[in-house]
C-alpha atoms as a PDB file:
ATOM      1  CA  UNK A   1      -7.385   1.147   8.102  1.00  0.00           C
ATOM      2  CA  UNK A   2      -8.930   0.307  11.461  1.00  0.00           C
ATOM      3  CA  UNK A   3     -12.135   1.947  12.652  1.00  0.00           C
ATOM      4  CA  UNK A   4     -13.128   1.831  16.306  1.00  0.00           C
ATOM      5  CA  UNK A   5     -16.793   2.306  17.175  1.00  0.00           C
ATOM      6  CA  UNK A   6     -16.701   2.591  20.929  1.00  0.00           C
ATOM      7  CA  UNK A   7     -16.479   4.434  24.196  1.00  0.00           C
ATOM      8  CA  UNK A   8     -14.316   7.278  25.403  1.00  0.00           C
ATOM      9  CA  UNK A   9     -14.114   7.864  29.160  1.00  0.00           C
ATOM     10  CA  UNK A  10     -12.025   9.874  31.547  1.00  0.00           C
ATOM     11  CA  UNK A  11     -10.486   7.401  33.998  1.00  0.00           C
ATOM     12  CA  UNK A  12     -10.446   8.594  37.620  1.00  0.00           C
ATOM     13  CA  UNK A  13      -7.791   6.314  39.092  1.00  0.00           C
ATOM     14  CA  UNK A  14      -6.949   5.767  42.761  1.00  0.00           C
ATOM     15  CA  UNK A  15      -3.878   3.714  43.683  1.00  0.00           C
ATOM     16  CA  UNK A  16      -4.065   1.827  46.995  1.00  0.00           C
ATOM     17  CA  UNK A  17      -2.231  -0.922  48.831  1.00  0.00           C
ATOM     18  CA  UNK A  18      -5.397  -3.052  48.917  1.00  0.00           C
ATOM     19  CA  UNK A  19      -8.860  -2.310  47.492  1.00  0.00           C
ATOM     20  CA  UNK A  20     -11.510  -1.563  50.122  1.00  0.00           C
ATOM     21  CA  UNK A  21     -14.143  -4.105  51.030  1.00  0.00           C
ATOM     22  CA  UNK A  22     -17.811  -3.082  51.028  1.00  0.00           C
ATOM     23  CA  UNK A  23     -18.307  -0.413  53.712  1.00  0.00           C
ATOM     24  CA  UNK A  24     -14.557  -0.001  54.276  1.00  0.00           C
ATOM     25  CA  UNK A  25     -12.568   3.218  53.829  1.00  0.00           C
ATOM     26  CA  UNK A  26      -8.875   3.066  52.952  1.00  0.00           C
ATOM     27  CA  UNK A  27      -6.240   5.700  52.278  1.00  0.00           C
ATOM     28  CA  UNK A  28      -4.809   5.824  48.778  1.00  0.00           C
ATOM     29  CA  UNK A  29      -1.336   6.945  47.896  1.00  0.00           C
ATOM     30  CA  UNK A  30      -2.020   8.585  44.506  1.00  0.00           C
ATOM     31  CA  UNK A  31      -4.836   9.829  42.260  1.00  0.00           C
ATOM     32  CA  UNK A  32      -4.756  10.473  38.508  1.00  0.00           C
ATOM     33  CA  UNK A  33      -7.154  11.486  35.746  1.00  0.00           C
ATOM     34  CA  UNK A  34      -6.198   9.518  32.631  1.00  0.00           C
ATOM     35  CA  UNK A  35      -8.002   9.457  29.267  1.00  0.00           C
ATOM     36  CA  UNK A  36      -9.472   6.009  28.671  1.00  0.00           C
ATOM     37  CA  UNK A  37     -12.600   4.074  27.745  1.00  0.00           C
ATOM     38  CA  UNK A  38     -12.342   0.707  26.017  1.00  0.00           C
ATOM     39  CA  UNK A  39     -12.931   2.148  22.569  1.00  0.00           C
ATOM     40  CA  UNK A  40     -10.485   5.018  22.907  1.00  0.00           C
ATOM     41  CA  UNK A  41      -7.912   2.722  24.519  1.00  0.00           C
ATOM     42  CA  UNK A  42      -8.106   0.248  21.637  1.00  0.00           C
ATOM     43  CA  UNK A  43      -7.843   3.065  19.112  1.00  0.00           C
ATOM     44  CA  UNK A  44      -4.706   4.467  20.740  1.00  0.00           C
ATOM     45  CA  UNK A  45      -3.177   0.997  21.123  1.00  0.00           C
ATOM     46  CA  UNK A  46      -3.727   0.255  17.424  1.00  0.00           C
ATOM     47  CA  UNK A  47      -2.286   3.619  16.368  1.00  0.00           C
ATOM     48  CA  UNK A  48       0.811   3.158  18.525  1.00  0.00           C
ATOM     49  CA  UNK A  49       1.212  -0.326  17.067  1.00  0.00           C
ATOM     50  CA  UNK A  50       1.551   1.275  13.644  1.00  0.00           C
ATOM     51  CA  UNK A  51      -1.961   1.260  12.173  1.00  0.00           C
ATOM     52  CA  UNK A  52      -4.064   3.990  10.579  1.00  0.00           C
ATOM     53  CA  UNK A  53      -7.044   4.422  12.925  1.00  0.00           C
ATOM     54  CA  UNK A  54     -10.339   6.342  12.934  1.00  0.00           C
ATOM     55  CA  UNK A  55     -12.360   6.702  16.139  1.00  0.00           C
ATOM     56  CA  UNK A  56     -16.165   6.811  16.102  1.00  0.00           C
ATOM     57  CA  UNK A  57     -18.119   7.599  19.258  1.00  0.00           C
ATOM     58  CA  UNK A  58     -19.105  10.539  21.430  1.00  0.00           C
ATOM     59  CA  UNK A  59     -17.756  12.832  24.129  1.00  0.00           C
ATOM     60  CA  UNK A  60     -19.568  15.441  26.184  1.00  0.00           C
ATOM     61  CA  UNK A  61     -19.281  19.212  25.871  1.00  0.00           C
ATOM     62  CA  UNK A  62     -17.292  19.369  29.117  1.00  0.00           C
ATOM     63  CA  UNK A  63     -13.586  19.715  29.873  1.00  0.00           C
ATOM     64  CA  UNK A  64     -13.156  15.930  29.905  1.00  0.00           C
ATOM     65  CA  UNK A  65     -14.573  15.771  26.372  1.00  0.00           C
ATOM     66  CA  UNK A  66     -12.044  18.283  25.076  1.00  0.00           C
ATOM     67  CA  UNK A  67      -9.192  16.417  26.725  1.00  0.00           C
ATOM     68  CA  UNK A  68     -10.359  13.052  25.370  1.00  0.00           C
ATOM     69  CA  UNK A  69     -10.549  14.434  21.825  1.00  0.00           C
ATOM     70  CA  UNK A  70      -7.112  16.008  22.138  1.00  0.00           C
ATOM     71  CA  UNK A  71      -5.531  12.820  23.536  1.00  0.00           C
ATOM     72  CA  UNK A  72      -6.846  10.719  20.645  1.00  0.00           C
ATOM     73  CA  UNK A  73      -5.654  13.226  18.062  1.00  0.00           C
ATOM     74  CA  UNK A  74      -2.211  13.501  19.633  1.00  0.00           C
ATOM     75  CA  UNK A  75      -1.904   9.700  19.445  1.00  0.00           C
ATOM     76  CA  UNK A  76      -2.447   9.902  15.693  1.00  0.00           C
ATOM     77  CA  UNK A  77      -6.096   8.778  15.728  1.00  0.00           C
ATOM     78  CA  UNK A  78      -8.477  10.423  13.232  1.00  0.00           C
ATOM     79  CA  UNK A  79     -11.256  12.128  15.247  1.00  0.00           C
ATOM     80  CA  UNK A  80     -13.018  13.775  12.311  1.00  0.00           C
ATOM     81  CA  UNK A  81     -16.224  11.864  13.043  1.00  0.00           C
ATOM     82  CA  UNK A  82     -16.044  11.907  16.851  1.00  0.00           C
ATOM     83  CA  UNK A  83     -19.323  13.420  18.065  1.00  0.00           C
ATOM     84  CA  UNK A  84     -19.667  16.071  20.782  1.00  0.00           C
ATOM     85  CA  UNK A  85     -23.043  15.871  22.551  1.00  0.00           C
ATOM     86  CA  UNK A  86     -24.582  18.029  25.306  1.00  0.00           C
ATOM     87  CA  UNK A  87     -23.812  16.899  28.842  1.00  0.00           C
ATOM     88  CA  UNK A  88     -20.965  15.124  30.614  1.00  0.00           C
ATOM     89  CA  UNK A  89     -18.455  12.748  29.059  1.00  0.00           C
ATOM     90  CA  UNK A  90     -18.239   9.168  30.224  1.00  0.00           C
ATOM     91  CA  UNK A  91     -16.084   8.429  33.249  1.00  0.00           C
ATOM     92  CA  UNK A  92     -14.622   5.320  34.876  1.00  0.00           C
ATOM     93  CA  UNK A  93     -13.788   5.151  38.575  1.00  0.00           C
ATOM     94  CA  UNK A  94     -10.850   2.766  38.932  1.00  0.00           C
ATOM     95  CA  UNK A  95      -9.094   1.360  41.990  1.00  0.00           C
ATOM     96  CA  UNK A  96      -5.664  -0.194  41.384  1.00  0.00           C
ATOM     97  CA  UNK A  97      -3.997  -2.209  44.154  1.00  0.00           C
ATOM     98  CA  UNK A  98      -0.323  -2.921  44.734  1.00  0.00           C
ATOM     99  CA  UNK A  99      -0.595  -6.272  42.974  1.00  0.00           C
ATOM    100  CA  UNK A 100      -1.641  -4.537  39.746  1.00  0.00           C
ATOM    101  CA  UNK A 101      -5.257  -5.726  40.056  1.00  0.00           C
ATOM    102  CA  UNK A 102      -8.130  -3.346  39.456  1.00  0.00           C
ATOM    103  CA  UNK A 103     -11.852  -2.809  39.935  1.00  0.00           C
ATOM    104  CA  UNK A 104     -13.816  -0.408  37.727  1.00  0.00           C
ATOM    105  CA  UNK A 105     -17.157   1.421  37.762  1.00  0.00           C
ATOM    106  CA  UNK A 106     -18.164   2.962  34.414  1.00  0.00           C
ATOM    107  CA  UNK A 107     -20.679   5.814  34.123  1.00  0.00           C
ATOM    108  CA  UNK A 108     -21.500   6.050  30.367  1.00  0.00           C
ATOM    109  CA  UNK A 109     -22.289   9.769  30.060  1.00  0.00           C
ATOM    110  CA  UNK A 110     -22.021  10.803  26.394  1.00  0.00           C
ATOM    111  CA  UNK A 111     -21.419   7.211  25.314  1.00  0.00           C
ATOM    112  CA  UNK A 112     -25.050   6.448  26.108  1.00  0.00           C
ATOM    113  CA  UNK A 113     -26.158   8.926  23.421  1.00  0.00           C
ATOM    114  CA  UNK A 114     -24.725   6.725  20.662  1.00  0.00           C
ATOM    115  CA  UNK A 115     -27.828   4.660  19.934  1.00  0.00           C
ATOM    116  CA  UNK A 116     -26.974   3.969  16.274  1.00  0.00           C
ATOM    117  CA  UNK A 117     -24.085   4.614  13.873  1.00  0.00           C
ATOM    118  CA  UNK A 118     -24.602   7.673  11.684  1.00  0.00           C
ATOM    119  CA  UNK A 119     -24.371   7.603   7.887  1.00  0.00           C
ATOM    120  CA  UNK A 120     -20.904   9.149   8.092  1.00  0.00           C
ATOM    121  CA  UNK A 121     -19.790   6.516  10.609  1.00  0.00           C
ATOM    122  CA  UNK A 122     -21.145   3.685   8.439  1.00  0.00           C
ATOM    123  CA  UNK A 123     -19.179   5.087   5.511  1.00  0.00           C
ATOM    124  CA  UNK A 124     -15.962   5.030   7.572  1.00  0.00           C
ATOM    125  CA  UNK A 125     -16.687   1.482   8.777  1.00  0.00           C
ATOM    126  CA  UNK A 126     -17.321   0.334   5.204  1.00  0.00           C
ATOM    127  CA  UNK A 127     -13.937   1.701   4.064  1.00  0.00           C
ATOM    128  CA  UNK A 128     -12.070   0.001   6.913  1.00  0.00           C
ATOM    129  CA  UNK A 129     -10.164  -3.281   6.888  1.00  0.00           C
ATOM    130  CA  UNK A 130     -11.048  -3.955  10.538  1.00  0.00           C
ATOM    131  CA  UNK A 131     -13.767  -2.680  12.890  1.00  0.00           C
ATOM    132  CA  UNK A 132     -13.189  -2.860  16.646  1.00  0.00           C
ATOM    133  CA  UNK A 133     -16.255  -3.081  18.897  1.00  0.00           C
ATOM    134  CA  UNK A 134     -16.825  -3.307  22.654  1.00  0.00           C
ATOM    135  CA  UNK A 135     -19.957  -3.162  24.817  1.00  0.00           C
ATOM    136  CA  UNK A 136     -19.624   0.243  26.503  1.00  0.00           C
ATOM    137  CA  UNK A 137     -21.981   1.721  23.902  1.00  0.00           C
ATOM    138  CA  UNK A 138     -25.665   0.702  23.742  1.00  0.00           C
ATOM    139  CA  UNK A 139     -25.898  -2.867  22.429  1.00  0.00           C
ATOM    140  CA  UNK A 140     -28.256  -1.891  19.601  1.00  0.00           C
ATOM    141  CA  UNK A 141     -25.674   0.553  18.254  1.00  0.00           C
ATOM    142  CA  UNK A 142     -22.897  -2.034  18.474  1.00  0.00           C
ATOM    143  CA  UNK A 143     -25.049  -4.581  16.643  1.00  0.00           C
ATOM    144  CA  UNK A 144     -25.941  -2.108  13.884  1.00  0.00           C
ATOM    145  CA  UNK A 145     -22.260  -1.220  13.382  1.00  0.00           C
ATOM    146  CA  UNK A 146     -21.296  -4.903  13.202  1.00  0.00           C
ATOM    147  CA  UNK A 147     -23.983  -5.618  10.620  1.00  0.00           C
ATOM    148  CA  UNK A 148     -22.877  -2.638   8.516  1.00  0.00           C
ATOM    149  CA  UNK A 149     -19.300  -3.918   8.622  1.00  0.00           C
ATOM    150  CA  UNK A 150     -20.372  -7.412   7.628  1.00  0.00           C
ATOM    151  CA  UNK A 151     -22.259  -6.055   4.603  1.00  0.00           C
ATOM    152  CA  UNK A 152     -19.140  -4.157   3.530  1.00  0.00           C
ATOM    153  CA  UNK A 153     -16.742  -7.074   4.048  1.00  0.00           C
ATOM    154  CA  UNK A 154     -14.964  -5.366   6.953  1.00  0.00           C
ATOM    155  CA  UNK A 155     -13.485  -7.745   9.554  1.00  0.00           C
ATOM    156  CA  UNK A 156     -15.361  -7.365  12.854  1.00  0.00           C
ATOM    157  CA  UNK A 157     -13.510  -7.799  16.163  1.00  0.00           C
ATOM    158  CA  UNK A 158     -15.650  -7.825  19.315  1.00  0.00           C
ATOM    159  CA  UNK A 159     -14.536  -7.467  22.924  1.00  0.00           C
ATOM    160  CA  UNK A 160     -17.599  -8.563  24.977  1.00  0.00           C
ATOM    161  CA  UNK A 161     -16.964  -6.185  27.886  1.00  0.00           C
ATOM    162  CA  UNK A 162     -18.615  -5.245  30.085  1.00  0.00           C
ATOM    163  CA  UNK A 163     -20.063  -8.727  29.698  1.00  0.00           C
ATOM    164  CA  UNK A 164     -23.780  -9.030  28.912  1.00  0.00           C
ATOM    165  CA  UNK A 165     -26.035 -11.311  26.846  1.00  0.00           C
ATOM    166  CA  UNK A 166     -25.007 -11.166  23.193  1.00  0.00           C
ATOM    167  CA  UNK A 167     -27.774 -10.940  20.583  1.00  0.00           C
ATOM    168  CA  UNK A 168     -27.591 -13.649  17.919  1.00  0.00           C
ATOM    169  CA  UNK A 169     -27.513 -11.006  15.179  1.00  0.00           C
ATOM    170  CA  UNK A 170     -24.413  -9.476  16.749  1.00  0.00           C
ATOM    171  CA  UNK A 171     -22.486 -12.740  17.042  1.00  0.00           C
ATOM    172  CA  UNK A 172     -23.420 -13.647  13.466  1.00  0.00           C
ATOM    173  CA  UNK A 173     -21.602 -10.519  12.281  1.00  0.00           C
ATOM    174  CA  UNK A 174     -18.433 -11.094  14.360  1.00  0.00           C
ATOM    175  CA  UNK A 175     -15.281 -12.530  12.759  1.00  0.00           C
ATOM    176  CA  UNK A 176     -12.980 -12.430  15.801  1.00  0.00           C
ATOM    177  CA  UNK A 177     -14.109 -12.613  19.429  1.00  0.00           C
ATOM    178  CA  UNK A 178     -11.567 -11.579  22.073  1.00  0.00           C
ATOM    179  CA  UNK A 179     -12.766 -12.323  25.625  1.00  0.00           C
ATOM    180  CA  UNK A 180     -10.934 -12.715  28.900  1.00  0.00           C
ATOM    181  CA  UNK A 181     -11.493 -15.949  30.790  1.00  0.00           C
ATOM    182  CA  UNK A 182     -14.147 -14.411  33.059  1.00  0.00           C
ATOM    183  CA  UNK A 183     -16.128 -13.027  30.125  1.00  0.00           C
ATOM    184  CA  UNK A 184     -15.852 -16.320  28.262  1.00  0.00           C
ATOM    185  CA  UNK A 185     -17.132 -18.203  31.314  1.00  0.00           C
ATOM    186  CA  UNK A 186     -20.044 -15.800  31.738  1.00  0.00           C
ATOM    187  CA  UNK A 187     -21.074 -16.044  28.079  1.00  0.00           C
ATOM    188  CA  UNK A 188     -20.826 -19.823  27.815  1.00  0.00           C
ATOM    189  CA  UNK A 189     -21.485 -20.998  31.380  1.00  0.00           C
ATOM    190  CA  UNK A 190     -18.217 -22.956  31.156  1.00  0.00           C
ATOM    191  CA  UNK A 191     -15.708 -22.293  33.946  1.00  0.00           C
ATOM    192  CA  UNK A 192     -13.003 -24.249  32.104  1.00  0.00           C
ATOM    193  CA  UNK A 193     -11.510 -21.933  29.481  1.00  0.00           C
ATOM    194  CA  UNK A 194     -10.734 -24.776  27.062  1.00  0.00           C
ATOM    195  CA  UNK A 195     -14.387 -25.821  27.085  1.00  0.00           C
ATOM    196  CA  UNK A 196     -15.485 -22.197  26.765  1.00  0.00           C
ATOM    197  CA  UNK A 197     -13.212 -21.824  23.736  1.00  0.00           C
ATOM    198  CA  UNK A 198     -14.688 -24.920  22.149  1.00  0.00           C
ATOM    199  CA  UNK A 199     -18.239 -23.650  22.603  1.00  0.00           C
ATOM    200  CA  UNK A 200     -17.466 -20.150  21.335  1.00  0.00           C
ATOM    201  CA  UNK A 201     -15.658 -21.335  18.220  1.00  0.00           C
ATOM    202  CA  UNK A 202     -18.920 -22.970  17.198  1.00  0.00           C
ATOM    203  CA  UNK A 203     -20.385 -19.463  16.938  1.00  0.00           C
ATOM    204  CA  UNK A 204     -17.438 -17.334  15.734  1.00  0.00           C
ATOM    205  CA  UNK A 205     -14.711 -18.158  13.210  1.00  0.00           C
ATOM    206  CA  UNK A 206     -11.787 -17.051  15.354  1.00  0.00           C
ATOM    207  CA  UNK A 207     -11.899 -17.006  19.150  1.00  0.00           C
ATOM    208  CA  UNK A 208      -9.235 -15.723  21.537  1.00  0.00           C
ATOM    209  CA  UNK A 209      -9.484 -16.083  25.307  1.00  0.00           C
ATOM    210  CA  UNK A 210      -6.946 -13.962  27.150  1.00  0.00           C
ATOM    211  CA  UNK A 211      -5.576 -15.486  30.347  1.00  0.00           C
ATOM    212  CA  UNK A 212      -3.689 -12.613  31.967  1.00  0.00           C
ATOM    213  CA  UNK A 213      -0.164 -13.596  32.995  1.00  0.00           C
ATOM    214  CA  UNK A 214      -0.714 -17.010  31.364  1.00  0.00           C
ATOM    215  CA  UNK A 215      -1.024 -15.537  27.883  1.00  0.00           C
ATOM    216  CA  UNK A 216      -3.892 -16.392  25.544  1.00  0.00           C
ATOM    217  CA  UNK A 217      -5.708 -19.399  24.137  1.00  0.00           C
ATOM    218  CA  UNK A 218      -6.631 -19.062  20.462  1.00  0.00           C
ATOM    219  CA  UNK A 219      -8.375 -21.111  17.781  1.00  0.00           C
ATOM    220  CA  UNK A 220      -9.005 -19.912  14.229  1.00  0.00           C
ATOM    221  CA  UNK A 221     -11.214 -21.714  11.734  1.00  0.00           C
ATOM    222  CA  UNK A 222     -10.773 -25.463  11.797  1.00  0.00           C
ATOM    223  CA  UNK A 223      -7.258 -25.194  13.227  1.00  0.00           C
ATOM    224  CA  UNK A 224      -6.213 -26.551  16.620  1.00  0.00           C
ATOM    225  CA  UNK A 225      -6.368 -24.534  19.826  1.00  0.00           C
ATOM    226  CA  UNK A 226      -3.000 -22.933  20.583  1.00  0.00           C
ATOM    227  CA  UNK A 227      -1.834 -21.353  23.841  1.00  0.00           C
ATOM    228  CA  UNK A 228       0.509 -18.391  23.432  1.00  0.00           C
ATOM    229  CA  UNK A 229       2.567 -17.752  26.544  1.00  0.00           C
ATOM    230  CA  UNK A 230       2.808 -14.270  28.029  1.00  0.00           C
ATOM    231  CA  UNK A 231       6.187 -12.709  28.829  1.00  0.00           C
ATOM    232  CA  UNK A 232       7.131 -12.930  32.516  1.00  0.00           C
ATOM    233  CA  UNK A 233       7.104  -9.319  33.667  1.00  0.00           C
ATOM    234  CA  UNK A 234       6.369  -7.413  36.907  1.00  0.00           C
ATOM    235  CA  UNK A 235       2.801  -6.068  36.745  1.00  0.00           C
ATOM    236  CA  UNK A 236       2.285  -2.468  37.862  1.00  0.00           C
ATOM    237  CA  UNK A 237      -1.215  -1.866  36.442  1.00  0.00           C
ATOM    238  CA  UNK A 238      -3.280  -4.305  34.368  1.00  0.00           C
ATOM    239  CA  UNK A 239      -6.068  -1.824  33.530  1.00  0.00           C
ATOM    240  CA  UNK A 240      -5.247  -1.480  29.826  1.00  0.00           C
ATOM    241  CA  UNK A 241      -3.810  -4.920  29.106  1.00  0.00           C
ATOM    242  CA  UNK A 242      -6.896  -6.247  27.331  1.00  0.00           C
ATOM    243  CA  UNK A 243      -7.415  -3.135  25.214  1.00  0.00           C
ATOM    244  CA  UNK A 244      -3.734  -3.015  24.303  1.00  0.00           C
ATOM    245  CA  UNK A 245      -3.971  -6.658  23.228  1.00  0.00           C
ATOM    246  CA  UNK A 246      -6.952  -5.975  20.955  1.00  0.00           C
ATOM    247  CA  UNK A 247      -5.502  -2.832  19.390  1.00  0.00           C
ATOM    248  CA  UNK A 248      -2.207  -4.557  18.625  1.00  0.00           C
ATOM    249  CA  UNK A 249      -4.033  -7.632  17.303  1.00  0.00           C
ATOM    250  CA  UNK A 250      -5.997  -5.454  14.875  1.00  0.00           C
ATOM    251  CA  UNK A 251      -2.813  -3.753  13.680  1.00  0.00           C
ATOM    252  CA  UNK A 252      -1.258  -7.157  13.043  1.00  0.00           C
ATOM    253  CA  UNK A 253      -4.303  -8.344  11.103  1.00  0.00           C
ATOM    254  CA  UNK A 254      -4.262  -5.265   8.848  1.00  0.00           C
ATOM    255  CA  UNK A 255      -0.698  -6.323   8.017  1.00  0.00           C
ATOM    256  CA  UNK A 256      -1.993  -9.831   7.187  1.00  0.00           C
ATOM    257  CA  UNK A 257      -0.039 -11.530   9.960  1.00  0.00           C
ATOM    258  CA  UNK A 258      -1.145 -15.121  10.563  1.00  0.00           C
ATOM    259  CA  UNK A 259      -3.479 -15.743  13.531  1.00  0.00           C
ATOM    260  CA  UNK A 260      -0.753 -17.273  15.698  1.00  0.00           C
ATOM    261  CA  UNK A 261       1.750 -14.483  14.937  1.00  0.00           C
ATOM    262  CA  UNK A 262      -0.902 -11.813  15.462  1.00  0.00           C
ATOM    263  CA  UNK A 263      -1.718 -13.213  18.911  1.00  0.00           C
ATOM    264  CA  UNK A 264       1.972 -13.362  19.777  1.00  0.00           C
ATOM    265  CA  UNK A 265       2.370  -9.719  18.688  1.00  0.00           C
ATOM    266  CA  UNK A 266      -0.667  -8.703  20.768  1.00  0.00           C
ATOM    267  CA  UNK A 267       0.561 -10.638  23.806  1.00  0.00           C
ATOM    268  CA  UNK A 268       3.926  -8.862  23.639  1.00  0.00           C
ATOM    269  CA  UNK A 269       2.162  -5.481  23.506  1.00  0.00           C
ATOM    270  CA  UNK A 270      -0.023  -6.329  26.505  1.00  0.00           C
ATOM    271  CA  UNK A 271       3.042  -7.502  28.432  1.00  0.00           C
ATOM    272  CA  UNK A 272       4.632  -4.110  27.942  1.00  0.00           C
ATOM    273  CA  UNK A 273       1.480  -2.221  28.965  1.00  0.00           C
ATOM    274  CA  UNK A 274       1.143  -3.891  32.378  1.00  0.00           C
ATOM    275  CA  UNK A 275       4.574  -2.619  33.376  1.00  0.00           C
ATOM    276  CA  UNK A 276       3.315   0.994  33.327  1.00  0.00           C
ATOM    277  CA  UNK A 277       0.570   2.862  35.165  1.00  0.00           C
ATOM    278  CA  UNK A 278      -2.624   4.024  33.511  1.00  0.00           C
ATOM    279  CA  UNK A 279      -4.610   3.098  30.438  1.00  0.00           C
ATOM    280  CA  UNK A 280      -3.695   5.117  27.341  1.00  0.00           C
ATOM    281  CA  UNK A 281      -0.483   6.203  29.054  1.00  0.00           C
ATOM    282  CA  UNK A 282       0.760   2.605  29.282  1.00  0.00           C
ATOM    283  CA  UNK A 283       0.455   1.513  25.651  1.00  0.00           C
ATOM    284  CA  UNK A 284       3.661   0.664  23.790  1.00  0.00           C
ATOM    285  CA  UNK A 285       4.872   1.943  20.437  1.00  0.00           C
ATOM    286  CA  UNK A 286       5.497  -0.302  17.440  1.00  0.00           C
ATOM    287  CA  UNK A 287       9.245  -0.077  17.980  1.00  0.00           C
ATOM    288  CA  UNK A 288       8.859  -1.232  21.591  1.00  0.00           C
ATOM    289  CA  UNK A 289       6.673  -4.191  20.586  1.00  0.00           C
ATOM    290  CA  UNK A 290       9.092  -5.272  17.851  1.00  0.00           C
ATOM    291  CA  UNK A 291      12.033  -4.987  20.252  1.00  0.00           C
ATOM    292  CA  UNK A 292      10.198  -7.069  22.842  1.00  0.00           C
ATOM    293  CA  UNK A 293       9.581  -9.818  20.286  1.00  0.00           C
ATOM    294  CA  UNK A 294      13.240  -9.810  19.245  1.00  0.00           C
ATOM    295  CA  UNK A 295      14.344 -10.002  22.883  1.00  0.00           C
ATOM    296  CA  UNK A 296      11.980 -12.924  23.548  1.00  0.00           C
ATOM    297  CA  UNK A 297      13.489 -14.824  20.600  1.00  0.00           C
ATOM    298  CA  UNK A 298      17.050 -14.200  21.757  1.00  0.00           C
END
């Protein structure tokens, strides 16, 4: 089983030809409200990739909170321990341009109320094979969840986004770090992703740096660094690519796929997600991922 201790947000998405510069007003062509948040996205991605998933976090007592809970449940995610707290749910304001690029502003809302994992949440984490973490919850809560997982022998996967300084006690509890090239550069001070990988693997056993359309660079244990190429596809919206990658990677690890095969599986899933609009709405099913891998081998 995979547990996800993370954020749930309602994404408020505007689609435009080109994102506005500071002080500029542009006309968009479409607006959508789409359930998202890095934690919820990863949970849905893992469930669609075939895993049993439990989501741990918080939503507000507003209409967005009800919709977020319903979306997770309809995706097959266990929301038994999803908290409802007074006040608004988290939201993300997202601008997506015609090239598939995006810029995002996150307002935490209910996510900010999760200052520590509860006893019930720690019990779920301890029974899990894999715990997925991100940094849209307070860092002290993320660190406490990671340490609880480490004590229980649960594999800890961290996405360091939005990027911020990482406490030593958090990194010490992480088994797999999945960062994009910008996050890796920010954490290490190394603009070159190969050098960033080398520095990070000195702190974490398995490091993956995602490179967008160029795939991912991965190194596990004492093994060599390997670059896994991404499928060449037209990008419509890259918003959920990273979360889809992580959710699919976790599903592959629960199945005991090797590191290289797990990254290839995750890369195929991300390649499918960028061809569709939205976050949770873009994530592929297990059948679609398997078919994509077969087609790439043909």
